[in-house]
C-alpha atoms as a PDB file:
ATOM      1  CA  UNK A   1      33.867-108.313  38.422  1.00  0.00           C
ATOM      2  CA  UNK A   2      36.697-106.714  40.619  1.00  0.00           C
ATOM      3  CA  UNK A   3      35.639-103.047  41.187  1.00  0.00           C
ATOM      4  CA  UNK A   4      37.676-100.468  42.972  1.00  0.00           C
ATOM      5  CA  UNK A   5      35.192 -98.072  44.818  1.00  0.00           C
ATOM      6  CA  UNK A   6      35.726 -94.247  45.157  1.00  0.00           C
ATOM      7  CA  UNK A   7      33.282 -92.427  47.286  1.00  0.00           C
ATOM      8  CA  UNK A   8      32.897 -90.101  50.498  1.00  0.00           C
ATOM      9  CA  UNK A   9      29.454 -89.123  51.679  1.00  0.00           C
ATOM     10  CA  UNK A  10      26.626 -90.878  53.317  1.00  0.00           C
ATOM     11  CA  UNK A  11      25.026 -91.372  49.991  1.00  0.00           C
ATOM     12  CA  UNK A  12      28.204 -93.120  48.633  1.00  0.00           C
ATOM     13  CA  UNK A  13      28.311 -95.246  51.751  1.00  0.00           C
ATOM     14  CA  UNK A  14      24.996 -96.550  51.320  1.00  0.00           C
ATOM     15  CA  UNK A  15      25.795 -97.474  47.550  1.00  0.00           C
ATOM     16  CA  UNK A  16      28.957 -99.145  48.975  1.00  0.00           C
ATOM     17  CA  UNK A  17      26.907-101.342  51.268  1.00  0.00           C
ATOM     18  CA  UNK A  18      24.672-102.733  48.551  1.00  0.00           C
ATOM     19  CA  UNK A  19      27.955-103.341  46.277  1.00  0.00           C
ATOM     20  CA  UNK A  20      29.679-105.137  49.025  1.00  0.00           C
ATOM     21  CA  UNK A  21      26.741-107.445  49.518  1.00  0.00           C
ATOM     22  CA  UNK A  22      26.708-108.427  45.988  1.00  0.00           C
ATOM     23  CA  UNK A  23      29.025-110.636  44.070  1.00  0.00           C
ATOM     24  CA  UNK A  24      30.844-107.660  43.020  1.00  0.00           C
ATOM     25  CA  UNK A  25      32.455-106.852  46.376  1.00  0.00           C
ATOM     26  CA  UNK A  26      35.057-104.109  45.963  1.00  0.00           C
ATOM     27  CA  UNK A  27      38.750-105.165  46.283  1.00  0.00           C
ATOM     28  CA  UNK A  28      39.712-101.619  47.405  1.00  0.00           C
ATOM     29  CA  UNK A  29      37.945 -98.431  48.556  1.00  0.00           C
ATOM     30  CA  UNK A  30      39.352 -94.995  48.315  1.00  0.00           C
ATOM     31  CA  UNK A  31      37.963 -92.079  50.011  1.00  0.00           C
ATOM     32  CA  UNK A  32      38.932 -88.783  51.365  1.00  0.00           C
ATOM     33  CA  UNK A  33      41.104 -87.959  54.376  1.00  0.00           C
ATOM     34  CA  UNK A  34      39.738 -87.668  57.763  1.00  0.00           C
ATOM     35  CA  UNK A  35      38.637 -84.166  58.733  1.00  0.00           C
ATOM     36  CA  UNK A  36      36.804 -81.939  61.320  1.00  0.00           C
ATOM     37  CA  UNK A  37      33.126 -82.636  61.312  1.00  0.00           C
ATOM     38  CA  UNK A  38      30.097 -81.702  63.282  1.00  0.00           C
ATOM     39  CA  UNK A  39      29.585 -78.974  65.838  1.00  0.00           C
ATOM     40  CA  UNK A  40      32.665 -79.877  67.974  1.00  0.00           C
ATOM     41  CA  UNK A  41      34.871 -80.087  64.863  1.00  0.00           C
ATOM     42  CA  UNK A  42      36.191 -83.350  66.097  1.00  0.00           C
ATOM     43  CA  UNK A  43      38.347 -85.205  63.331  1.00  0.00           C
ATOM     44  CA  UNK A  44      36.265 -88.101  61.877  1.00  0.00           C
ATOM     45  CA  UNK A  45      36.486 -90.385  59.171  1.00  0.00           C
ATOM     46  CA  UNK A  46      34.126 -89.956  56.060  1.00  0.00           C
ATOM     47  CA  UNK A  47      31.075 -92.294  56.128  1.00  0.00           C
ATOM     48  CA  UNK A  48      32.609 -94.530  53.274  1.00  0.00           C
ATOM     49  CA  UNK A  49      35.566 -94.979  55.384  1.00  0.00           C
ATOM     50  CA  UNK A  50      33.452 -96.286  58.192  1.00  0.00           C
ATOM     51  CA  UNK A  51      31.462 -98.564  56.049  1.00  0.00           C
ATOM     52  CA  UNK A  52      34.706-100.099  54.463  1.00  0.00           C
ATOM     53  CA  UNK A  53      36.217-100.762  57.815  1.00  0.00           C
ATOM     54  CA  UNK A  54      32.936-102.440  59.121  1.00  0.00           C
ATOM     55  CA  UNK A  55      32.724-104.612  55.881  1.00  0.00           C
ATOM     56  CA  UNK A  56      36.572-105.508  56.083  1.00  0.00           C
ATOM     57  CA  UNK A  57      37.416-103.809  52.761  1.00  0.00           C
ATOM     58  CA  UNK A  58      40.817-102.699  52.022  1.00  0.00           C
ATOM     59  CA  UNK A  59      40.815 -98.882  52.481  1.00  0.00           C
ATOM     60  CA  UNK A  60      43.072 -96.073  51.312  1.00  0.00           C
ATOM     61  CA  UNK A  61      42.698 -92.265  52.156  1.00  0.00           C
ATOM     62  CA  UNK A  62      45.195 -90.347  49.957  1.00  0.00           C
ATOM     63  CA  UNK A  63      45.299 -86.602  49.950  1.00  0.00           C
ATOM     64  CA  UNK A  64      44.863 -86.701  46.116  1.00  0.00           C
ATOM     65  CA  UNK A  65      43.448 -89.855  44.142  1.00  0.00           C
ATOM     66  CA  UNK A  66      45.427 -88.495  41.116  1.00  0.00           C
ATOM     67  CA  UNK A  67      48.828 -88.707  42.784  1.00  0.00           C
ATOM     68  CA  UNK A  68      51.311 -91.418  41.672  1.00  0.00           C
ATOM     69  CA  UNK A  69      51.011 -93.364  44.919  1.00  0.00           C
ATOM     70  CA  UNK A  70      47.226 -93.557  44.664  1.00  0.00           C
ATOM     71  CA  UNK A  71      47.346 -94.815  41.075  1.00  0.00           C
ATOM     72  CA  UNK A  72      49.889 -97.355  42.085  1.00  0.00           C
ATOM     73  CA  UNK A  73      47.574 -98.447  44.832  1.00  0.00           C
ATOM     74  CA  UNK A  74      44.686 -98.801  42.450  1.00  0.00           C
ATOM     75  CA  UNK A  75      46.758-100.688  39.935  1.00  0.00           C
ATOM     76  CA  UNK A  76      47.956-103.054  42.642  1.00  0.00           C
ATOM     77  CA  UNK A  77      44.436-104.104  43.254  1.00  0.00           C
ATOM     78  CA  UNK A  78      44.053-105.231  39.515  1.00  0.00           C
ATOM     79  CA  UNK A  79      40.611-103.811  39.248  1.00  0.00           C
ATOM     80  CA  UNK A  80      38.211-104.660  36.200  1.00  0.00           C
ATOM     81  CA  UNK A  81      36.498-101.475  36.764  1.00  0.00           C
ATOM     82  CA  UNK A  82      36.290 -98.327  38.966  1.00  0.00           C
ATOM     83  CA  UNK A  83      32.953 -97.184  40.422  1.00  0.00           C
ATOM     84  CA  UNK A  84      32.633 -93.710  41.657  1.00  0.00           C
ATOM     85  CA  UNK A  85      29.866 -92.215  43.777  1.00  0.00           C
ATOM     86  CA  UNK A  86      29.871 -88.735  45.553  1.00  0.00           C
ATOM     87  CA  UNK A  87      33.803 -88.791  45.892  1.00  0.00           C
ATOM     88  CA  UNK A  88      33.960 -85.024  46.073  1.00  0.00           C
ATOM     89  CA  UNK A  89      37.239 -84.457  44.286  1.00  0.00           C
ATOM     90  CA  UNK A  90      38.175 -84.065  40.585  1.00  0.00           C
ATOM     91  CA  UNK A  91      39.445 -87.267  38.935  1.00  0.00           C
ATOM     92  CA  UNK A  92      42.018 -86.295  36.300  1.00  0.00           C
ATOM     93  CA  UNK A  93      44.251 -87.672  33.550  1.00  0.00           C
ATOM     94  CA  UNK A  94      45.998 -90.099  33.389  1.00  0.00           C
ATOM     95  CA  UNK A  95      43.788 -91.864  35.930  1.00  0.00           C
ATOM     96  CA  UNK A  96      40.713 -91.182  34.166  1.00  0.00           C
ATOM     97  CA  UNK A  97      41.751 -93.068  31.184  1.00  0.00           C
ATOM     98  CA  UNK A  98      43.512 -95.880  32.857  1.00  0.00           C
ATOM     99  CA  UNK A  99      40.162 -97.730  33.715  1.00  0.00           C
ATOM    100  CA  UNK A 100      36.687 -97.752  32.633  1.00  0.00           C
ATOM    101  CA  UNK A 101      34.876 -95.654  35.323  1.00  0.00           C
ATOM    102  CA  UNK A 102      31.149 -95.776  36.228  1.00  0.00           C
ATOM    103  CA  UNK A 103      29.626 -92.839  38.228  1.00  0.00           C
ATOM    104  CA  UNK A 104      26.428 -93.079  40.195  1.00  0.00           C
ATOM    105  CA  UNK A 105      24.771 -89.810  39.866  1.00  0.00           C
ATOM    106  CA  UNK A 106      21.497 -88.846  41.712  1.00  0.00           C
ATOM    107  CA  UNK A 107      19.486 -87.184  39.005  1.00  0.00           C
ATOM    108  CA  UNK A 108      18.025 -87.901  35.699  1.00  0.00           C
ATOM    109  CA  UNK A 109      20.796 -86.691  33.488  1.00  0.00           C
ATOM    110  CA  UNK A 110      21.166 -84.483  31.595  1.00  0.00           C
ATOM    111  CA  UNK A 111      19.168 -82.587  34.218  1.00  0.00           C
ATOM    112  CA  UNK A 112      21.034 -81.567  37.289  1.00  0.00           C
ATOM    113  CA  UNK A 113      24.653 -82.120  36.435  1.00  0.00           C
ATOM    114  CA  UNK A 114      26.929 -80.968  39.306  1.00  0.00           C
ATOM    115  CA  UNK A 115      27.459 -81.102  42.890  1.00  0.00           C
ATOM    116  CA  UNK A 116      23.992 -80.574  44.623  1.00  0.00           C
ATOM    117  CA  UNK A 117      21.523 -82.365  42.463  1.00  0.00           C
ATOM    118  CA  UNK A 118      19.031 -83.670  45.064  1.00  0.00           C
ATOM    119  CA  UNK A 119      19.045 -80.249  46.686  1.00  0.00           C
ATOM    120  CA  UNK A 120      18.537 -78.243  43.504  1.00  0.00           C
ATOM    121  CA  UNK A 121      15.707 -80.658  42.274  1.00  0.00           C
ATOM    122  CA  UNK A 122      13.728 -79.919  45.528  1.00  0.00           C
ATOM    123  CA  UNK A 123      14.425 -76.225  45.321  1.00  0.00           C
ATOM    124  CA  UNK A 124      13.212 -75.976  41.723  1.00  0.00           C
ATOM    125  CA  UNK A 125       9.922 -77.602  42.594  1.00  0.00           C
ATOM    126  CA  UNK A 126      10.712 -80.741  40.352  1.00  0.00           C
ATOM    127  CA  UNK A 127       8.060 -83.603  40.730  1.00  0.00           C
ATOM    128  CA  UNK A 128      10.570 -86.271  39.867  1.00  0.00           C
ATOM    129  CA  UNK A 129      14.355 -87.022  39.972  1.00  0.00           C
ATOM    130  CA  UNK A 130      16.157 -90.241  39.909  1.00  0.00           C
ATOM    131  CA  UNK A 131      19.569 -91.869  39.444  1.00  0.00           C
ATOM    132  CA  UNK A 132      21.749 -92.337  36.425  1.00  0.00           C
ATOM    133  CA  UNK A 133      24.748 -94.558  35.853  1.00  0.00           C
ATOM    134  CA  UNK A 134      27.115 -92.821  33.534  1.00  0.00           C
ATOM    135  CA  UNK A 135      30.577 -93.402  32.231  1.00  0.00           C
ATOM    136  CA  UNK A 136      32.858 -90.828  33.867  1.00  0.00           C
ATOM    137  CA  UNK A 137      34.677 -88.468  31.576  1.00  0.00           C
ATOM    138  CA  UNK A 138      36.508 -85.158  31.682  1.00  0.00           C
ATOM    139  CA  UNK A 139      33.398 -83.272  31.387  1.00  0.00           C
ATOM    140  CA  UNK A 140      31.164 -82.360  34.179  1.00  0.00           C
ATOM    141  CA  UNK A 141      28.741 -85.388  34.505  1.00  0.00           C
ATOM    142  CA  UNK A 142      28.413 -85.190  30.718  1.00  0.00           C
ATOM    143  CA  UNK A 143      29.344 -88.705  29.976  1.00  0.00           C
ATOM    144  CA  UNK A 144      27.137 -91.396  28.259  1.00  0.00           C
ATOM    145  CA  UNK A 145      24.450 -93.032  30.330  1.00  0.00           C
ATOM    146  CA  UNK A 146      23.673 -96.810  30.443  1.00  0.00           C
ATOM    147  CA  UNK A 147      20.865 -96.909  33.134  1.00  0.00           C
ATOM    148  CA  UNK A 148      18.451 -94.656  34.621  1.00  0.00           C
ATOM    149  CA  UNK A 149      15.516 -94.983  37.086  1.00  0.00           C
ATOM    150  CA  UNK A 150      13.026 -92.227  38.048  1.00  0.00           C
ATOM    151  CA  UNK A 151      11.783 -91.495  41.646  1.00  0.00           C
ATOM    152  CA  UNK A 152       8.878 -88.955  42.470  1.00  0.00           C
ATOM    153  CA  UNK A 153       9.479 -86.125  44.660  1.00  0.00           C
ATOM    154  CA  UNK A 154       6.630 -85.777  47.169  1.00  0.00           C
ATOM    155  CA  UNK A 155       5.288 -82.449  48.513  1.00  0.00           C
ATOM    156  CA  UNK A 156       6.704 -83.172  51.932  1.00  0.00           C
ATOM    157  CA  UNK A 157      10.064 -84.806  50.829  1.00  0.00           C
ATOM    158  CA  UNK A 158      13.248 -83.457  52.303  1.00  0.00           C
ATOM    159  CA  UNK A 159      16.795 -83.999  51.466  1.00  0.00           C
ATOM    160  CA  UNK A 160      16.937 -86.724  53.937  1.00  0.00           C
ATOM    161  CA  UNK A 161      13.805 -88.702  52.922  1.00  0.00           C
ATOM    162  CA  UNK A 162      14.526 -88.346  49.202  1.00  0.00           C
ATOM    163  CA  UNK A 163      18.239 -89.140  49.347  1.00  0.00           C
ATOM    164  CA  UNK A 164      17.362 -92.361  51.428  1.00  0.00           C
ATOM    165  CA  UNK A 165      15.303 -93.697  48.435  1.00  0.00           C
ATOM    166  CA  UNK A 166      17.866 -92.649  45.866  1.00  0.00           C
ATOM    167  CA  UNK A 167      20.622 -94.313  47.846  1.00  0.00           C
ATOM    168  CA  UNK A 168      18.712 -97.702  47.435  1.00  0.00           C
ATOM    169  CA  UNK A 169      18.019 -97.004  43.797  1.00  0.00           C
ATOM    170  CA  UNK A 170      21.747 -96.173  43.060  1.00  0.00           C
ATOM    171  CA  UNK A 171      22.952 -99.340  44.653  1.00  0.00           C
ATOM    172  CA  UNK A 172      20.576-101.429  42.719  1.00  0.00           C
ATOM    173  CA  UNK A 173      21.465 -99.879  39.511  1.00  0.00           C
ATOM    174  CA  UNK A 174      25.061-100.041  39.940  1.00  0.00           C
ATOM    175  CA  UNK A 175      24.904-103.767  40.722  1.00  0.00           C
ATOM    176  CA  UNK A 176      22.580-104.199  37.705  1.00  0.00           C
ATOM    177  CA  UNK A 177      25.255-102.330  35.455  1.00  0.00           C
ATOM    178  CA  UNK A 178      28.060-104.660  36.580  1.00  0.00           C
ATOM    179  CA  UNK A 179      26.037-107.666  35.918  1.00  0.00           C
ATOM    180  CA  UNK A 180      24.186-106.762  32.659  1.00  0.00           C
ATOM    181  CA  UNK A 181      26.799-104.473  31.101  1.00  0.00           C
ATOM    182  CA  UNK A 182      24.063-102.448  29.226  1.00  0.00           C
ATOM    183  CA  UNK A 183      25.022-100.271  26.255  1.00  0.00           C
ATOM    184  CA  UNK A 184      25.676 -96.598  26.834  1.00  0.00           C
ATOM    185  CA  UNK A 185      24.011 -93.748  25.123  1.00  0.00           C
ATOM    186  CA  UNK A 186      25.109 -89.924  24.775  1.00  0.00           C
ATOM    187  CA  UNK A 187      23.159 -87.482  26.852  1.00  0.00           C
ATOM    188  CA  UNK A 188      20.806 -85.016  25.166  1.00  0.00           C
ATOM    189  CA  UNK A 189      22.634 -81.719  25.465  1.00  0.00           C
ATOM    190  CA  UNK A 190      19.412 -79.703  24.958  1.00  0.00           C
ATOM    191  CA  UNK A 191      18.194 -80.804  28.273  1.00  0.00           C
ATOM    192  CA  UNK A 192      21.012 -79.793  30.538  1.00  0.00           C
ATOM    193  CA  UNK A 193      20.627 -77.899  33.729  1.00  0.00           C
ATOM    194  CA  UNK A 194      23.506 -77.479  36.349  1.00  0.00           C
ATOM    195  CA  UNK A 195      23.169 -77.987  40.088  1.00  0.00           C
ATOM    196  CA  UNK A 196      25.610 -75.444  41.474  1.00  0.00           C
ATOM    197  CA  UNK A 197      27.576 -76.335  44.657  1.00  0.00           C
ATOM    198  CA  UNK A 198      25.456 -74.887  47.606  1.00  0.00           C
ATOM    199  CA  UNK A 199      26.979 -71.606  49.092  1.00  0.00           C
ATOM    200  CA  UNK A 200      26.077 -69.717  52.346  1.00  0.00           C
ATOM    201  CA  UNK A 201      23.670 -67.433  50.685  1.00  0.00           C
ATOM    202  CA  UNK A 202      21.569 -70.500  49.681  1.00  0.00           C
ATOM    203  CA  UNK A 203      20.897 -70.999  53.438  1.00  0.00           C
ATOM    204  CA  UNK A 204      19.271 -67.747  53.968  1.00  0.00           C
ATOM    205  CA  UNK A 205      15.468 -67.503  53.592  1.00  0.00           C
ATOM    206  CA  UNK A 206      15.151 -64.205  51.614  1.00  0.00           C
ATOM    207  CA  UNK A 207      11.814 -62.699  52.200  1.00  0.00           C
ATOM    208  CA  UNK A 208      11.957 -60.995  48.827  1.00  0.00           C
ATOM    209  CA  UNK A 209      10.868 -64.439  47.270  1.00  0.00           C
ATOM    210  CA  UNK A 210       7.746 -66.182  47.307  1.00  0.00           C
ATOM    211  CA  UNK A 211       6.942 -68.303  50.389  1.00  0.00           C
ATOM    212  CA  UNK A 212       6.532 -71.424  48.289  1.00  0.00           C
ATOM    213  CA  UNK A 213      10.100 -71.162  47.126  1.00  0.00           C
ATOM    214  CA  UNK A 214      11.453 -70.733  50.619  1.00  0.00           C
ATOM    215  CA  UNK A 215       9.503 -73.697  51.906  1.00  0.00           C
ATOM    216  CA  UNK A 216      11.266 -75.770  49.309  1.00  0.00           C
ATOM    217  CA  UNK A 217      14.532 -74.483  50.389  1.00  0.00           C
ATOM    218  CA  UNK A 218      13.870 -75.669  53.941  1.00  0.00           C
ATOM    219  CA  UNK A 219      13.120 -79.189  52.758  1.00  0.00           C
ATOM    220  CA  UNK A 220      16.140 -79.213  50.364  1.00  0.00           C
ATOM    221  CA  UNK A 221      18.584 -78.311  53.080  1.00  0.00           C
ATOM    222  CA  UNK A 222      17.019 -80.495  55.935  1.00  0.00           C
ATOM    223  CA  UNK A 223      18.673 -82.310  57.704  1.00  0.00           C
ATOM    224  CA  UNK A 224      22.017 -81.290  56.587  1.00  0.00           C
ATOM    225  CA  UNK A 225      23.250 -77.848  56.379  1.00  0.00           C
ATOM    226  CA  UNK A 226      19.851 -76.288  57.272  1.00  0.00           C
ATOM    227  CA  UNK A 227      18.143 -72.916  56.338  1.00  0.00           C
ATOM    228  CA  UNK A 228      17.822 -70.079  58.597  1.00  0.00           C
ATOM    229  CA  UNK A 229      16.059 -66.512  58.998  1.00  0.00           C
ATOM    230  CA  UNK A 230      17.722 -63.431  60.107  1.00  0.00           C
ATOM    231  CA  UNK A 231      16.601 -61.943  63.321  1.00  0.00           C
ATOM    232  CA  UNK A 232      16.202 -58.276  64.119  1.00  0.00           C
ATOM    233  CA  UNK A 233      19.468 -58.418  66.321  1.00  0.00           C
ATOM    234  CA  UNK A 234      21.362 -59.990  63.588  1.00  0.00           C
ATOM    235  CA  UNK A 235      21.247 -63.476  64.829  1.00  0.00           C
ATOM    236  CA  UNK A 236      20.149 -66.527  62.829  1.00  0.00           C
ATOM    237  CA  UNK A 237      17.137 -68.733  63.670  1.00  0.00           C
ATOM    238  CA  UNK A 238      17.485 -72.174  61.890  1.00  0.00           C
ATOM    239  CA  UNK A 239      14.401 -73.513  60.267  1.00  0.00           C
ATOM    240  CA  UNK A 240      13.966 -77.212  60.148  1.00  0.00           C
ATOM    241  CA  UNK A 241      10.474 -77.406  58.868  1.00  0.00           C
ATOM    242  CA  UNK A 242       7.967 -74.594  57.373  1.00  0.00           C
ATOM    243  CA  UNK A 243       4.653 -74.280  55.901  1.00  0.00           C
ATOM    244  CA  UNK A 244       3.191 -71.745  53.439  1.00  0.00           C
ATOM    245  CA  UNK A 245       0.221 -69.861  54.624  1.00  0.00           C
ATOM    246  CA  UNK A 246      -1.876 -67.168  52.639  1.00  0.00           C
ATOM    247  CA  UNK A 247      -1.842 -64.195  54.959  1.00  0.00           C
ATOM    248  CA  UNK A 248       1.043 -62.988  57.123  1.00  0.00           C
ATOM    249  CA  UNK A 249       2.982 -59.754  58.143  1.00  0.00           C
ATOM    250  CA  UNK A 250       4.637 -57.390  55.351  1.00  0.00           C
ATOM    251  CA  UNK A 251       7.494 -58.940  53.384  1.00  0.00           C
ATOM    252  CA  UNK A 252      10.546 -58.993  55.472  1.00  0.00           C
ATOM    253  CA  UNK A 253       8.899 -58.794  58.876  1.00  0.00           C
ATOM    254  CA  UNK A 254       9.295 -61.788  61.130  1.00  0.00           C
ATOM    255  CA  UNK A 255       6.040 -61.878  63.273  1.00  0.00           C
ATOM    256  CA  UNK A 256       6.547 -63.260  66.876  1.00  0.00           C
ATOM    257  CA  UNK A 257       2.944 -62.624  68.049  1.00  0.00           C
ATOM    258  CA  UNK A 258       1.205 -65.617  66.657  1.00  0.00           C
ATOM    259  CA  UNK A 259       1.092 -69.226  67.628  1.00  0.00           C
ATOM    260  CA  UNK A 260       4.227 -69.752  65.723  1.00  0.00           C
ATOM    261  CA  UNK A 261       6.743 -67.494  64.140  1.00  0.00           C
ATOM    262  CA  UNK A 262       5.716 -66.209  60.706  1.00  0.00           C
ATOM    263  CA  UNK A 263       7.868 -64.560  57.957  1.00  0.00           C
ATOM    264  CA  UNK A 264       6.221 -62.175  55.427  1.00  0.00           C
ATOM    265  CA  UNK A 265       7.359 -62.936  51.970  1.00  0.00           C
ATOM    266  CA  UNK A 266       6.947 -61.350  48.561  1.00  0.00           C
ATOM    267  CA  UNK A 267       4.016 -63.730  47.992  1.00  0.00           C
ATOM    268  CA  UNK A 268       2.295 -65.421  50.876  1.00  0.00           C
ATOM    269  CA  UNK A 269       3.955 -66.040  54.218  1.00  0.00           C
ATOM    270  CA  UNK A 270       6.137 -68.809  55.896  1.00  0.00           C
ATOM    271  CA  UNK A 271       4.996 -70.277  59.206  1.00  0.00           C
ATOM    272  CA  UNK A 272       8.116 -71.649  60.971  1.00  0.00           C
ATOM    273  CA  UNK A 273       6.938 -75.163  62.139  1.00  0.00           C
ATOM    274  CA  UNK A 274      10.191 -76.322  63.790  1.00  0.00           C
ATOM    275  CA  UNK A 275      13.179 -73.993  64.520  1.00  0.00           C
ATOM    276  CA  UNK A 276      16.626 -74.080  66.140  1.00  0.00           C
ATOM    277  CA  UNK A 277      17.866 -71.197  68.042  1.00  0.00           C
ATOM    278  CA  UNK A 278      21.687 -70.834  68.117  1.00  0.00           C
ATOM    279  CA  UNK A 279      23.406 -73.283  70.266  1.00  0.00           C
ATOM    280  CA  UNK A 280      20.175 -75.166  71.043  1.00  0.00           C
ATOM    281  CA  UNK A 281      18.298 -78.131  70.083  1.00  0.00           C
ATOM    282  CA  UNK A 282      15.497 -78.089  67.267  1.00  0.00           C
ATOM    283  CA  UNK A 283      12.014 -77.245  68.743  1.00  0.00           C
ATOM    284  CA  UNK A 284       8.381 -76.596  67.739  1.00  0.00           C
ATOM    285  CA  UNK A 285       7.872 -73.038  66.841  1.00  0.00           C
ATOM    286  CA  UNK A 286       5.410 -72.518  69.490  1.00  0.00           C
ATOM    287  CA  UNK A 287       8.150 -73.703  72.088  1.00  0.00           C
ATOM    288  CA  UNK A 288      10.484 -71.219  70.839  1.00  0.00           C
ATOM    289  CA  UNK A 289       7.837 -68.374  71.259  1.00  0.00           C
ATOM    290  CA  UNK A 290       6.894 -69.398  74.728  1.00  0.00           C
ATOM    291  CA  UNK A 291      10.589 -69.394  75.720  1.00  0.00           C
ATOM    292  CA  UNK A 292      10.851 -65.851  74.415  1.00  0.00           C
ATOM    293  CA  UNK A 293       7.824 -64.622  76.222  1.00  0.00           C
END
């Protein structure tokens, strides 16, 4: 088949790599414009743009995929199908109806429709997630599904470790879909949950919650946006790895007189195993405390 591929993130770039290595190499890739990234805020291309250039695939970065110029560029490629993965912008009519569109979504739909399915699955304590291949429709990840594959979530999985496995699954399922063209089935609306977009408050480790919940938040946000605890001086201490312990200081108190920092929580306590002070590299919690002393 002659697919056009729409995607932006590192996850999408990994799926594009697999698709480009198959007999269904995209004839055109569309991604978002370059933007400031990282601590230095240097303008950089999205991961999908870098992958398309490395693979020598025609690349287009419109301000809006829905404008007339973008639609004309897609039409000029004469695609049989449009494949979408973590594009990060709403695809609207008439583009939505001009082509059959397949979406690679990293969850077992209808669970975790929405923007942050991997993070929300870890935060919720799910024991498994997966990848779904669905037909893109006007609803939020509500289209019919043709293929799914499950993947366990281990007790030590972070966003980074889990997404790496889901990327591979997503690429394989997408290629299988193009080759086998399996039938689609409607989603079961009784099982719908929503993975809301992550906001600033999701990063704060709130000690009024149980330590087990906060440990999952740390894993869900590592290594990307990262979680943090608030310090007494109003600063933020990034937390890259944490462990639940039974006993600790009172809820809301960050103890600095142990081997590692320990945050008292509503239930149990959170030992900060790896932390990142403002403007510094990540380090073991014990090294951070030695520096304070």
